[in-house]
Amino acid sequence: MKRLATIVVLAALTSCGPGEEERITRSFTKMEQVAQALKPEGSLTNRPLEVGQVEFQAVYREGDRVYFKVGENGPSVDPYGYVWSPERTPVDDSNPAVASSFEHIQGPWYRWSDSY
């Protein structure tokens, strides 16, 4: 019985597939291609967009950054996602009514969230 339980647990773990973090890092190359192709102040927000292994609710440029919005944090309306910022480390310099936070992942990629 113990062996059967181990097999069931291993099957469940391997069938779940990669988590969001792994899918994001696998998608960085394709995400960067989209970011580089996006024109200044451009946006791809008219519908969800799948890039690599991740579906984004919006992709848009603000200055030298390109935002890949995944969704909203839980039941609140606070957006979150990933930012491509190849020129500099992003800082919270936009709307004073919004607190933006950025966490470095690798290279020009950052995890981003806003709090209203």
PDB file of N, CA and C in Angstrom:
ATOM      1  N   MET A   1       0.814  -1.192   0.000  1.00  0.00           N
ATOM      2  CA  MET A   1       0.000   0.000   0.000  1.00  0.00           C
ATOM      3  C   MET A   1       0.865   1.267   0.000  1.00  0.00           C
ATOM      4  N   LYS A   2       1.952   1.228   0.775  1.00  0.00           N
ATOM      5  CA  LYS A   2       2.845   2.379   0.840  1.00  0.00           C
ATOM      6  C   LYS A   2       3.468   2.642  -0.529  1.00  0.00           C
ATOM      7  N   ARG A   3       3.804   1.587  -1.227  1.00  0.00           N
ATOM      8  CA  ARG A   3       4.389   1.733  -2.560  1.00  0.00           C
ATOM      9  C   ARG A   3       3.397   2.367  -3.532  1.00  0.00           C
ATOM     10  N   LEU A   4       2.140   1.963  -3.457  1.00  0.00           N
ATOM     11  CA  LEU A   4       1.098   2.530  -4.315  1.00  0.00           C
ATOM     12  C   LEU A   4       0.931   4.027  -4.027  1.00  0.00           C
ATOM     13  N   ALA A   5       0.949   4.397  -2.768  1.00  0.00           N
ATOM     14  CA  ALA A   5       0.822   5.813  -2.397  1.00  0.00           C
ATOM     15  C   ALA A   5       1.993   6.621  -2.961  1.00  0.00           C
ATOM     16  N   THR A   6       3.189   6.080  -2.898  1.00  0.00           N
ATOM     17  CA  THR A   6       4.369   6.763  -3.438  1.00  0.00           C
ATOM     18  C   THR A   6       4.228   6.957  -4.941  1.00  0.00           C
ATOM     19  N   ILE A   7       3.759   5.934  -5.631  1.00  0.00           N
ATOM     20  CA  ILE A   7       3.575   6.014  -7.080  1.00  0.00           C
ATOM     21  C   ILE A   7       2.534   7.070  -7.433  1.00  0.00           C
ATOM     22  N   VAL A   8       1.435   7.116  -6.679  1.00  0.00           N
ATOM     23  CA  VAL A   8       0.378   8.098  -6.931  1.00  0.00           C
ATOM     24  C   VAL A   8       0.901   9.522  -6.719  1.00  0.00           C
ATOM     25  N   VAL A   9       1.662   9.727  -5.648  1.00  0.00           N
ATOM     26  CA  VAL A   9       2.218  11.052  -5.369  1.00  0.00           C
ATOM     27  C   VAL A   9       3.194  11.461  -6.470  1.00  0.00           C
ATOM     28  N   LEU A  10       4.082  10.577  -6.872  1.00  0.00           N
ATOM     29  CA  LEU A  10       5.032  10.891  -7.940  1.00  0.00           C
ATOM     30  C   LEU A  10       4.322  11.173  -9.259  1.00  0.00           C
ATOM     31  N   ALA A  11       3.297  10.415  -9.575  1.00  0.00           N
ATOM     32  CA  ALA A  11       2.545  10.651 -10.808  1.00  0.00           C
ATOM     33  C   ALA A  11       1.862  12.015 -10.771  1.00  0.00           C
ATOM     34  N   ALA A  12       1.302  12.373  -9.622  1.00  0.00           N
ATOM     35  CA  ALA A  12       0.639  13.676  -9.491  1.00  0.00           C
ATOM     36  C   ALA A  12       1.639  14.813  -9.642  1.00  0.00           C
ATOM     37  N   LEU A  13       2.812  14.668  -9.047  1.00  0.00           N
ATOM     38  CA  LEU A  13       3.821  15.727  -9.130  1.00  0.00           C
ATOM     39  C   LEU A  13       4.353  15.906 -10.545  1.00  0.00           C
ATOM     40  N   THR A  14       4.546  14.829 -11.260  1.00  0.00           N
ATOM     41  CA  THR A  14       5.097  14.927 -12.605  1.00  0.00           C
ATOM     42  C   THR A  14       4.045  15.305 -13.635  1.00  0.00           C
ATOM     43  N   SER A  15       2.781  15.080 -13.368  1.00  0.00           N
ATOM     44  CA  SER A  15       1.748  15.405 -14.347  1.00  0.00           C
ATOM     45  C   SER A  15       1.271  16.845 -14.237  1.00  0.00           C
ATOM     46  N   CYS A  16       1.645  17.555 -13.185  1.00  0.00           N
ATOM     47  CA  CYS A  16       1.193  18.938 -13.001  1.00  0.00           C
ATOM     48  C   CYS A  16       1.857  19.885 -13.983  1.00  0.00           C
ATOM     49  N   GLY A  17       2.983  19.530 -14.517  1.00  0.00           N
ATOM     50  CA  GLY A  17       3.681  20.395 -15.458  1.00  0.00           C
ATOM     51  C   GLY A  17       4.447  21.485 -14.742  1.00  0.00           C
ATOM     52  N   PRO A  18       5.151  22.298 -15.508  1.00  0.00           N
ATOM     53  CA  PRO A  18       5.977  23.348 -14.906  1.00  0.00           C
ATOM     54  C   PRO A  18       5.124  24.455 -14.292  1.00  0.00           C
ATOM     55  N   GLY A  19       5.634  25.060 -13.233  1.00  0.00           N
ATOM     56  CA  GLY A  19       4.955  26.164 -12.590  1.00  0.00           C
ATOM     57  C   GLY A  19       5.171  27.457 -13.356  1.00  0.00           C
ATOM     58  N   GLU A  20       4.539  28.533 -12.887  1.00  0.00           N
ATOM     59  CA  GLU A  20       4.629  29.814 -13.584  1.00  0.00           C
ATOM     60  C   GLU A  20       6.064  30.299 -13.713  1.00  0.00           C
ATOM     61  N   GLU A  21       6.845  30.198 -12.645  1.00  0.00           N
ATOM     62  CA  GLU A  21       8.234  30.683 -12.699  1.00  0.00           C
ATOM     63  C   GLU A  21       9.028  29.973 -13.789  1.00  0.00           C
ATOM     64  N   GLU A  22       8.891  28.678 -13.878  1.00  0.00           N
ATOM     65  CA  GLU A  22       9.627  27.918 -14.890  1.00  0.00           C
ATOM     66  C   GLU A  22       9.132  28.256 -16.293  1.00  0.00           C
ATOM     67  N   ARG A  23       7.815  28.395 -16.457  1.00  0.00           N
ATOM     68  CA  ARG A  23       7.274  28.761 -17.768  1.00  0.00           C
ATOM     69  C   ARG A  23       7.735  30.159 -18.178  1.00  0.00           C
ATOM     70  N   ILE A  24       7.827  31.063 -17.208  1.00  0.00           N
ATOM     71  CA  ILE A  24       8.296  32.419 -17.500  1.00  0.00           C
ATOM     72  C   ILE A  24       9.749  32.388 -17.970  1.00  0.00           C
ATOM     73  N   THR A  25      10.617  31.726 -17.214  1.00  0.00           N
ATOM     74  CA  THR A  25      12.030  31.715 -17.611  1.00  0.00           C
ATOM     75  C   THR A  25      12.225  31.017 -18.959  1.00  0.00           C
ATOM     76  N   ARG A  26      11.427  30.025 -19.247  1.00  0.00           N
ATOM     77  CA  ARG A  26      11.502  29.367 -20.558  1.00  0.00           C
ATOM     78  C   ARG A  26      11.017  30.287 -21.669  1.00  0.00           C
ATOM     79  N   SER A  27      10.201  31.281 -21.328  1.00  0.00           N
ATOM     80  CA  SER A  27       9.590  32.172 -22.315  1.00  0.00           C
ATOM     81  C   SER A  27      10.346  33.477 -22.514  1.00  0.00           C
ATOM     82  N   PHE A  28      11.398  33.729 -21.739  1.00  0.00           N
ATOM     83  CA  PHE A  28      12.108  35.004 -21.812  1.00  0.00           C
ATOM     84  C   PHE A  28      12.567  35.362 -23.224  1.00  0.00           C
ATOM     85  N   THR A  29      13.063  34.409 -23.987  1.00  0.00           N
ATOM     86  CA  THR A  29      13.554  34.699 -25.334  1.00  0.00           C
ATOM     87  C   THR A  29      12.424  35.231 -26.217  1.00  0.00           C
ATOM     88  N   LYS A  30      11.287  34.559 -26.206  1.00  0.00           N
ATOM     89  CA  LYS A  30      10.148  35.005 -27.022  1.00  0.00           C
ATOM     90  C   LYS A  30       9.583  36.314 -26.486  1.00  0.00           C
ATOM     91  N   MET A  31       9.553  36.470 -25.161  1.00  0.00           N
ATOM     92  CA  MET A  31       9.073  37.720 -24.569  1.00  0.00           C
ATOM     93  C   MET A  31       9.964  38.890 -24.992  1.00  0.00           C
ATOM     94  N   GLU A  32      11.269  38.664 -25.030  1.00  0.00           N
ATOM     95  CA  GLU A  32      12.186  39.728 -25.429  1.00  0.00           C
ATOM     96  C   GLU A  32      11.976  40.109 -26.894  1.00  0.00           C
ATOM     97  N   GLN A  33      11.681  39.134 -27.743  1.00  0.00           N
ATOM     98  CA  GLN A  33      11.396  39.427 -29.146  1.00  0.00           C
ATOM     99  C   GLN A  33      10.168  40.334 -29.259  1.00  0.00           C
ATOM    100  N   VAL A  34       9.149  40.049 -28.478  1.00  0.00           N
ATOM    101  CA  VAL A  34       7.943  40.884 -28.472  1.00  0.00           C
ATOM    102  C   VAL A  34       8.280  42.275 -27.952  1.00  0.00           C
ATOM    103  N   ALA A  35       9.045  42.350 -26.860  1.00  0.00           N
ATOM    104  CA  ALA A  35       9.412  43.635 -26.264  1.00  0.00           C
ATOM    105  C   ALA A  35      10.186  44.501 -27.254  1.00  0.00           C
ATOM    106  N   GLN A  36      11.120  43.913 -27.973  1.00  0.00           N
ATOM    107  CA  GLN A  36      11.926  44.674 -28.919  1.00  0.00           C
ATOM    108  C   GLN A  36      11.107  45.126 -30.127  1.00  0.00           C
ATOM    109  N   ALA A  37      10.081  44.372 -30.490  1.00  0.00           N
ATOM    110  CA  ALA A  37       9.249  44.720 -31.643  1.00  0.00           C
ATOM    111  C   ALA A  37       8.191  45.768 -31.305  1.00  0.00           C
ATOM    112  N   LEU A  38       7.891  45.943 -30.022  1.00  0.00           N
ATOM    113  CA  LEU A  38       6.847  46.880 -29.613  1.00  0.00           C
ATOM    114  C   LEU A  38       7.332  48.310 -29.794  1.00  0.00           C
ATOM    115  N   LYS A  39       6.588  49.090 -30.533  1.00  0.00           N
ATOM    116  CA  LYS A  39       6.957  50.475 -30.816  1.00  0.00           C
ATOM    117  C   LYS A  39       6.822  51.336 -29.558  1.00  0.00           C
ATOM    118  N   PRO A  40       7.482  52.500 -29.538  1.00  0.00           N
ATOM    119  CA  PRO A  40       7.355  53.397 -28.379  1.00  0.00           C
ATOM    120  C   PRO A  40       5.893  53.682 -28.051  1.00  0.00           C
ATOM    121  N   GLU A  41       5.601  53.595 -26.770  1.00  0.00           N
ATOM    122  CA  GLU A  41       4.236  53.765 -26.247  1.00  0.00           C
ATOM    123  C   GLU A  41       3.250  52.834 -26.936  1.00  0.00           C
ATOM    124  N   GLY A  42       3.738  51.695 -27.414  1.00  0.00           N
ATOM    125  CA  GLY A  42       2.889  50.710 -28.066  1.00  0.00           C
ATOM    126  C   GLY A  42       2.192  49.818 -27.061  1.00  0.00           C
ATOM    127  N   SER A  43       1.188  49.119 -27.529  1.00  0.00           N
ATOM    128  CA  SER A  43       0.414  48.265 -26.646  1.00  0.00           C
ATOM    129  C   SER A  43      -0.197  47.114 -27.426  1.00  0.00           C
ATOM    130  N   LEU A  44      -0.304  45.976 -26.785  1.00  0.00           N
ATOM    131  CA  LEU A  44      -0.989  44.811 -27.346  1.00  0.00           C
ATOM    132  C   LEU A  44      -2.081  44.391 -26.361  1.00  0.00           C
ATOM    133  N   THR A  45      -2.930  45.327 -25.951  1.00  0.00           N
ATOM    134  CA  THR A  45      -3.864  45.063 -24.855  1.00  0.00           C
ATOM    135  C   THR A  45      -5.268  44.689 -25.300  1.00  0.00           C
ATOM    136  N   ASN A  46      -5.518  44.552 -26.578  1.00  0.00           N
ATOM    137  CA  ASN A  46      -6.886  44.326 -27.025  1.00  0.00           C
ATOM    138  C   ASN A  46      -7.421  42.931 -26.688  1.00  0.00           C
ATOM    139  N   ARG A  47      -6.551  42.005 -26.390  1.00  0.00           N
ATOM    140  CA  ARG A  47      -6.992  40.645 -26.014  1.00  0.00           C
ATOM    141  C   ARG A  47      -5.820  39.930 -25.346  1.00  0.00           C
ATOM    142  N   PRO A  48      -6.096  38.851 -24.617  1.00  0.00           N
ATOM    143  CA  PRO A  48      -4.976  38.085 -24.041  1.00  0.00           C
ATOM    144  C   PRO A  48      -4.042  37.608 -25.147  1.00  0.00           C
ATOM    145  N   LEU A  49      -2.773  37.552 -24.809  1.00  0.00           N
ATOM    146  CA  LEU A  49      -1.742  37.201 -25.776  1.00  0.00           C
ATOM    147  C   LEU A  49      -0.851  36.120 -25.185  1.00  0.00           C
ATOM    148  N   GLU A  50      -0.678  35.025 -25.910  1.00  0.00           N
ATOM    149  CA  GLU A  50       0.221  33.971 -25.460  1.00  0.00           C
ATOM    150  C   GLU A  50       1.594  34.209 -26.062  1.00  0.00           C
ATOM    151  N   VAL A  51       2.593  34.294 -25.180  1.00  0.00           N
ATOM    152  CA  VAL A  51       3.976  34.480 -25.600  1.00  0.00           C
ATOM    153  C   VAL A  51       4.775  33.369 -24.949  1.00  0.00           C
ATOM    154  N   GLY A  52       5.396  32.535 -25.766  1.00  0.00           N
ATOM    155  CA  GLY A  52       6.104  31.386 -25.203  1.00  0.00           C
ATOM    156  C   GLY A  52       5.097  30.458 -24.537  1.00  0.00           C
ATOM    157  N   GLN A  53       5.315  30.196 -23.258  1.00  0.00           N
ATOM    158  CA  GLN A  53       4.461  29.267 -22.517  1.00  0.00           C
ATOM    159  C   GLN A  53       3.518  29.973 -21.546  1.00  0.00           C
ATOM    160  N   VAL A  54       3.342  31.286 -21.708  1.00  0.00           N
ATOM    161  CA  VAL A  54       2.554  32.061 -20.752  1.00  0.00           C
ATOM    162  C   VAL A  54       1.525  32.917 -21.482  1.00  0.00           C
ATOM    163  N   GLU A  55       0.324  33.011 -20.915  1.00  0.00           N
ATOM    164  CA  GLU A  55      -0.690  33.912 -21.458  1.00  0.00           C
ATOM    165  C   GLU A  55      -0.697  35.190 -20.633  1.00  0.00           C
ATOM    166  N   PHE A  56      -0.625  36.326 -21.320  1.00  0.00           N
ATOM    167  CA  PHE A  56      -0.628  37.623 -20.668  1.00  0.00           C
ATOM    168  C   PHE A  56      -1.926  38.351 -20.984  1.00  0.00           C
ATOM    169  N   GLN A  57      -2.436  39.072 -19.998  1.00  0.00           N
ATOM    170  CA  GLN A  57      -3.653  39.862 -20.192  1.00  0.00           C
ATOM    171  C   GLN A  57      -3.371  41.129 -20.989  1.00  0.00           C
ATOM    172  N   ALA A  58      -2.136  41.615 -20.890  1.00  0.00           N
ATOM    173  CA  ALA A  58      -1.740  42.822 -21.616  1.00  0.00           C
ATOM    174  C   ALA A  58      -0.227  42.839 -21.762  1.00  0.00           C
ATOM    175  N   VAL A  59       0.231  43.451 -22.828  1.00  0.00           N
ATOM    176  CA  VAL A  59       1.658  43.708 -23.051  1.00  0.00           C
ATOM    177  C   VAL A  59       1.732  45.150 -23.531  1.00  0.00           C
ATOM    178  N   TYR A  60       2.506  45.970 -22.818  1.00  0.00           N
ATOM    179  CA  TYR A  60       2.576  47.381 -23.206  1.00  0.00           C
ATOM    180  C   TYR A  60       3.904  47.992 -22.797  1.00  0.00           C
ATOM    181  N   ARG A  61       4.242  49.061 -23.507  1.00  0.00           N
ATOM    182  CA  ARG A  61       5.495  49.777 -23.257  1.00  0.00           C
ATOM    183  C   ARG A  61       5.179  51.066 -22.511  1.00  0.00           C
ATOM    184  N   GLU A  62       6.015  51.350 -21.510  1.00  0.00           N
ATOM    185  CA  GLU A  62       6.008  52.639 -20.821  1.00  0.00           C
ATOM    186  C   GLU A  62       7.459  53.096 -20.770  1.00  0.00           C
ATOM    187  N   GLY A  63       7.799  54.064 -21.603  1.00  0.00           N
ATOM    188  CA  GLY A  63       9.182  54.533 -21.669  1.00  0.00           C
ATOM    189  C   GLY A  63      10.106  53.441 -22.169  1.00  0.00           C
ATOM    190  N   ASP A  64      11.151  53.142 -21.386  1.00  0.00           N
ATOM    191  CA  ASP A  64      12.112  52.116 -21.796  1.00  0.00           C
ATOM    192  C   ASP A  64      11.791  50.737 -21.221  1.00  0.00           C
ATOM    193  N   ARG A  65      10.621  50.585 -20.632  1.00  0.00           N
ATOM    194  CA  ARG A  65      10.204  49.298 -20.056  1.00  0.00           C
ATOM    195  C   ARG A  65       9.051  48.706 -20.850  1.00  0.00           C
ATOM    196  N   VAL A  66       8.999  47.363 -20.901  1.00  0.00           N
ATOM    197  CA  VAL A  66       7.851  46.678 -21.479  1.00  0.00           C
ATOM    198  C   VAL A  66       7.262  45.794 -20.389  1.00  0.00           C
ATOM    199  N   TYR A  67       5.965  45.985 -20.142  1.00  0.00           N
ATOM    200  CA  TYR A  67       5.241  45.257 -19.104  1.00  0.00           C
ATOM    201  C   TYR A  67       4.484  44.088 -19.722  1.00  0.00           C
ATOM    202  N   PHE A  68       4.576  42.941 -19.071  1.00  0.00           N
ATOM    203  CA  PHE A  68       3.828  41.748 -19.438  1.00  0.00           C
ATOM    204  C   PHE A  68       2.903  41.451 -18.258  1.00  0.00           C
ATOM    205  N   LYS A  69       1.663  41.888 -18.362  1.00  0.00           N
ATOM    206  CA  LYS A  69       0.709  41.762 -17.258  1.00  0.00           C
ATOM    207  C   LYS A  69       0.100  40.364 -17.256  1.00  0.00           C
ATOM    208  N   VAL A  70       0.285  39.666 -16.144  1.00  0.00           N
ATOM    209  CA  VAL A  70      -0.273  38.325 -16.004  1.00  0.00           C
ATOM    210  C   VAL A  70      -1.724  38.419 -15.554  1.00  0.00           C
ATOM    211  N   GLY A  71      -1.970  39.215 -14.543  1.00  0.00           N
ATOM    212  CA  GLY A  71      -3.332  39.335 -14.034  1.00  0.00           C
ATOM    213  C   GLY A  71      -3.376  40.239 -12.832  1.00  0.00           C
ATOM    214  N   GLU A  72      -4.295  39.928 -11.950  1.00  0.00           N
ATOM    215  CA  GLU A  72      -4.508  40.719 -10.757  1.00  0.00           C
ATOM    216  C   GLU A  72      -4.167  39.845  -9.546  1.00  0.00           C
ATOM    217  N   ASN A  73      -3.690  40.465  -8.487  1.00  0.00           N
ATOM    218  CA  ASN A  73      -3.333  39.734  -7.268  1.00  0.00           C
ATOM    219  C   ASN A  73      -4.593  39.335  -6.510  1.00  0.00           C
ATOM    220  N   GLY A  74      -4.940  38.078  -6.562  1.00  0.00           N
ATOM    221  CA  GLY A  74      -6.070  37.555  -5.792  1.00  0.00           C
ATOM    222  C   GLY A  74      -7.356  38.313  -6.060  1.00  0.00           C
ATOM    223  N   PRO A  75      -8.146  38.550  -4.999  1.00  0.00           N
ATOM    224  CA  PRO A  75      -9.442  39.203  -5.179  1.00  0.00           C
ATOM    225  C   PRO A  75      -9.329  40.720  -5.376  1.00  0.00           C
ATOM    226  N   SER A  76      -8.140  41.266  -5.194  1.00  0.00           N
ATOM    227  CA  SER A  76      -7.980  42.713  -5.365  1.00  0.00           C
ATOM    228  C   SER A  76      -7.824  43.042  -6.844  1.00  0.00           C
ATOM    229  N   VAL A  77      -7.634  44.307  -7.129  1.00  0.00           N
ATOM    230  CA  VAL A  77      -7.458  44.742  -8.516  1.00  0.00           C
ATOM    231  C   VAL A  77      -6.018  45.133  -8.805  1.00  0.00           C
ATOM    232  N   ASP A  78      -5.094  44.741  -7.941  1.00  0.00           N
ATOM    233  CA  ASP A  78      -3.693  45.111  -8.101  1.00  0.00           C
ATOM    234  C   ASP A  78      -3.054  44.280  -9.205  1.00  0.00           C
ATOM    235  N   PRO A  79      -2.607  44.928 -10.286  1.00  0.00           N
ATOM    236  CA  PRO A  79      -1.987  44.175 -11.384  1.00  0.00           C
ATOM    237  C   PRO A  79      -0.588  43.697 -11.019  1.00  0.00           C
ATOM    238  N   TYR A  80      -0.166  42.619 -11.691  1.00  0.00           N
ATOM    239  CA  TYR A  80       1.181  42.090 -11.502  1.00  0.00           C
ATOM    240  C   TYR A  80       1.630  41.393 -12.776  1.00  0.00           C
ATOM    241  N   GLY A  81       2.917  41.149 -12.870  1.00  0.00           N
ATOM    242  CA  GLY A  81       3.454  40.451 -14.024  1.00  0.00           C
ATOM    243  C   GLY A  81       4.961  40.586 -14.066  1.00  0.00           C
ATOM    244  N   TYR A  82       5.481  40.840 -15.259  1.00  0.00           N
ATOM    245  CA  TYR A  82       6.924  40.866 -15.484  1.00  0.00           C
ATOM    246  C   TYR A  82       7.280  42.084 -16.323  1.00  0.00           C
ATOM    247  N   VAL A  83       8.483  42.592 -16.112  1.00  0.00           N
ATOM    248  CA  VAL A  83       8.942  43.774 -16.820  1.00  0.00           C
ATOM    249  C   VAL A  83      10.287  43.485 -17.473  1.00  0.00           C
ATOM    250  N   TRP A  84      10.396  43.898 -18.722  1.00  0.00           N
ATOM    251  CA  TRP A  84      11.662  43.860 -19.449  1.00  0.00           C
ATOM    252  C   TRP A  84      12.225  45.269 -19.397  1.00  0.00           C
ATOM    253  N   SER A  85      13.371  45.422 -18.762  1.00  0.00           N
ATOM    254  CA  SER A  85      13.997  46.739 -18.611  1.00  0.00           C
ATOM    255  C   SER A  85      15.498  46.591 -18.855  1.00  0.00           C
ATOM    256  N   PRO A  86      15.910  46.630 -20.132  1.00  0.00           N
ATOM    257  CA  PRO A  86      17.316  46.377 -20.455  1.00  0.00           C
ATOM    258  C   PRO A  86      18.269  47.532 -20.144  1.00  0.00           C
ATOM    259  N   GLU A  87      17.750  48.748 -20.019  1.00  0.00           N
ATOM    260  CA  GLU A  87      18.610  49.919 -19.833  1.00  0.00           C
ATOM    261  C   GLU A  87      18.966  50.193 -18.379  1.00  0.00           C
ATOM    262  N   ARG A  88      18.033  49.905 -17.477  1.00  0.00           N
ATOM    263  CA  ARG A  88      18.262  50.249 -16.068  1.00  0.00           C
ATOM    264  C   ARG A  88      17.329  49.445 -15.180  1.00  0.00           C
ATOM    265  N   THR A  89      17.672  49.412 -13.899  1.00  0.00           N
ATOM    266  CA  THR A  89      16.799  48.774 -12.920  1.00  0.00           C
ATOM    267  C   THR A  89      15.544  49.630 -12.771  1.00  0.00           C
ATOM    268  N   PRO A  90      14.359  49.048 -12.938  1.00  0.00           N
ATOM    269  CA  PRO A  90      13.148  49.860 -12.817  1.00  0.00           C
ATOM    270  C   PRO A  90      12.951  50.356 -11.383  1.00  0.00           C
ATOM    271  N   VAL A  91      12.433  51.564 -11.273  1.00  0.00           N
ATOM    272  CA  VAL A  91      12.097  52.143  -9.974  1.00  0.00           C
ATOM    273  C   VAL A  91      10.670  52.656 -10.040  1.00  0.00           C
ATOM    274  N   ASP A  92      10.077  52.810  -8.885  1.00  0.00           N
ATOM    275  CA  ASP A  92       8.707  53.303  -8.796  1.00  0.00           C
ATOM    276  C   ASP A  92       8.732  54.810  -9.022  1.00  0.00           C
ATOM    277  N   ASP A  93       8.533  55.211 -10.286  1.00  0.00           N
ATOM    278  CA  ASP A  93       8.611  56.632 -10.611  1.00  0.00           C
ATOM    279  C   ASP A  93       7.382  57.147 -11.344  1.00  0.00           C
ATOM    280  N   SER A  94       6.305  56.400 -11.288  1.00  0.00           N
ATOM    281  CA  SER A  94       5.129  56.813 -12.047  1.00  0.00           C
ATOM    282  C   SER A  94       4.110  57.517 -11.150  1.00  0.00           C
ATOM    283  N   ASN A  95       2.936  57.035 -11.128  1.00  0.00           N
ATOM    284  CA  ASN A  95       1.812  57.611 -10.400  1.00  0.00           C
ATOM    285  C   ASN A  95       2.035  57.547  -8.884  1.00  0.00           C
ATOM    286  N   PRO A  96       1.976  58.691  -8.186  1.00  0.00           N
ATOM    287  CA  PRO A  96       2.195  58.670  -6.739  1.00  0.00           C
ATOM    288  C   PRO A  96       1.088  57.934  -5.967  1.00  0.00           C
ATOM    289  N   ALA A  97      -0.048  57.691  -6.601  1.00  0.00           N
ATOM    290  CA  ALA A  97      -1.137  56.969  -5.934  1.00  0.00           C
ATOM    291  C   ALA A  97      -0.963  55.456  -6.021  1.00  0.00           C
ATOM    292  N   VAL A  98       0.063  55.011  -6.768  1.00  0.00           N
ATOM    293  CA  VAL A  98       0.312  53.586  -6.964  1.00  0.00           C
ATOM    294  C   VAL A  98       1.714  53.250  -6.474  1.00  0.00           C
ATOM    295  N   ALA A  99       1.809  52.220  -5.651  1.00  0.00           N
ATOM    296  CA  ALA A  99       3.119  51.747  -5.198  1.00  0.00           C
ATOM    297  C   ALA A  99       3.514  50.558  -6.065  1.00  0.00           C
ATOM    298  N   SER A 100       4.541  50.751  -6.894  1.00  0.00           N
ATOM    299  CA  SER A 100       5.033  49.675  -7.746  1.00  0.00           C
ATOM    300  C   SER A 100       6.265  49.056  -7.104  1.00  0.00           C
ATOM    301  N   SER A 101       6.353  47.730  -7.180  1.00  0.00           N
ATOM    302  CA  SER A 101       7.550  47.063  -6.676  1.00  0.00           C
ATOM    303  C   SER A 101       8.121  46.189  -7.786  1.00  0.00           C
ATOM    304  N   PHE A 102       9.459  46.081  -7.789  1.00  0.00           N
ATOM    305  CA  PHE A 102      10.173  45.318  -8.806  1.00  0.00           C
ATOM    306  C   PHE A 102      11.184  44.414  -8.119  1.00  0.00           C
ATOM    307  N   GLU A 103      11.199  43.147  -8.520  1.00  0.00           N
ATOM    308  CA  GLU A 103      12.147  42.176  -7.971  1.00  0.00           C
ATOM    309  C   GLU A 103      12.925  41.570  -9.138  1.00  0.00           C
ATOM    310  N   HIS A 104      14.250  41.665  -9.088  1.00  0.00           N
ATOM    311  CA  HIS A 104      15.084  41.170 -10.178  1.00  0.00           C
ATOM    312  C   HIS A 104      14.994  39.647 -10.274  1.00  0.00           C
ATOM    313  N   ILE A 105      14.841  39.153 -11.497  1.00  0.00           N
ATOM    314  CA  ILE A 105      14.832  37.706 -11.746  1.00  0.00           C
ATOM    315  C   ILE A 105      16.166  37.305 -12.369  1.00  0.00           C
ATOM    316  N   GLN A 106      16.447  37.840 -13.549  1.00  0.00           N
ATOM    317  CA  GLN A 106      17.724  37.593 -14.232  1.00  0.00           C
ATOM    318  C   GLN A 106      17.830  38.548 -15.414  1.00  0.00           C
ATOM    319  N   GLY A 107      19.064  38.917 -15.755  1.00  0.00           N
ATOM    320  CA  GLY A 107      19.285  39.810 -16.895  1.00  0.00           C
ATOM    321  C   GLY A 107      18.397  41.042 -16.820  1.00  0.00           C
ATOM    322  N   PRO A 108      17.668  41.361 -17.909  1.00  0.00           N
ATOM    323  CA  PRO A 108      16.809  42.544 -17.923  1.00  0.00           C
ATOM    324  C   PRO A 108      15.394  42.271 -17.419  1.00  0.00           C
ATOM    325  N   TRP A 109      15.173  41.148 -16.732  1.00  0.00           N
ATOM    326  CA  TRP A 109      13.824  40.733 -16.336  1.00  0.00           C
ATOM    327  C   TRP A 109      13.567  40.946 -14.846  1.00  0.00           C
ATOM    328  N   TYR A 110      12.357  41.459 -14.559  1.00  0.00           N
ATOM    329  CA  TYR A 110      11.940  41.768 -13.190  1.00  0.00           C
ATOM    330  C   TYR A 110      10.504  41.307 -12.983  1.00  0.00           C
ATOM    331  N   ARG A 111      10.216  40.848 -11.782  1.00  0.00           N
ATOM    332  CA  ARG A 111       8.843  40.567 -11.371  1.00  0.00           C
ATOM    333  C   ARG A 111       8.295  41.899 -10.875  1.00  0.00           C
ATOM    334  N   TRP A 112       7.063  42.228 -11.262  1.00  0.00           N
ATOM    335  CA  TRP A 112       6.495  43.532 -10.944  1.00  0.00           C
ATOM    336  C   TRP A 112       5.104  43.369 -10.346  1.00  0.00           C
ATOM    337  N   SER A 113       4.756  44.261  -9.421  1.00  0.00           N
ATOM    338  CA  SER A 113       3.389  44.329  -8.907  1.00  0.00           C
ATOM    339  C   SER A 113       3.078  45.754  -8.503  1.00  0.00           C
ATOM    340  N   ASP A 114       1.835  46.134  -8.635  1.00  0.00           N
ATOM    341  CA  ASP A 114       1.340  47.443  -8.222  1.00  0.00           C
ATOM    342  C   ASP A 114       0.413  47.261  -7.047  1.00  0.00           C
ATOM    343  N   SER A 115       0.391  48.244  -6.198  1.00  0.00           N
ATOM    344  CA  SER A 115      -0.530  48.230  -5.061  1.00  0.00           C
ATOM    345  C   SER A 115      -1.195  49.597  -4.984  1.00  0.00           C
ATOM    346  N   TYR A 116      -2.507  49.598  -5.001  1.00  0.00           N
ATOM    347  CA  TYR A 116      -3.271  50.857  -4.942  1.00  0.00           C
ATOM    348  C   TYR A 116      -3.696  51.157  -3.530  1.00  0.00           C
TER     349      TYR A 116
END
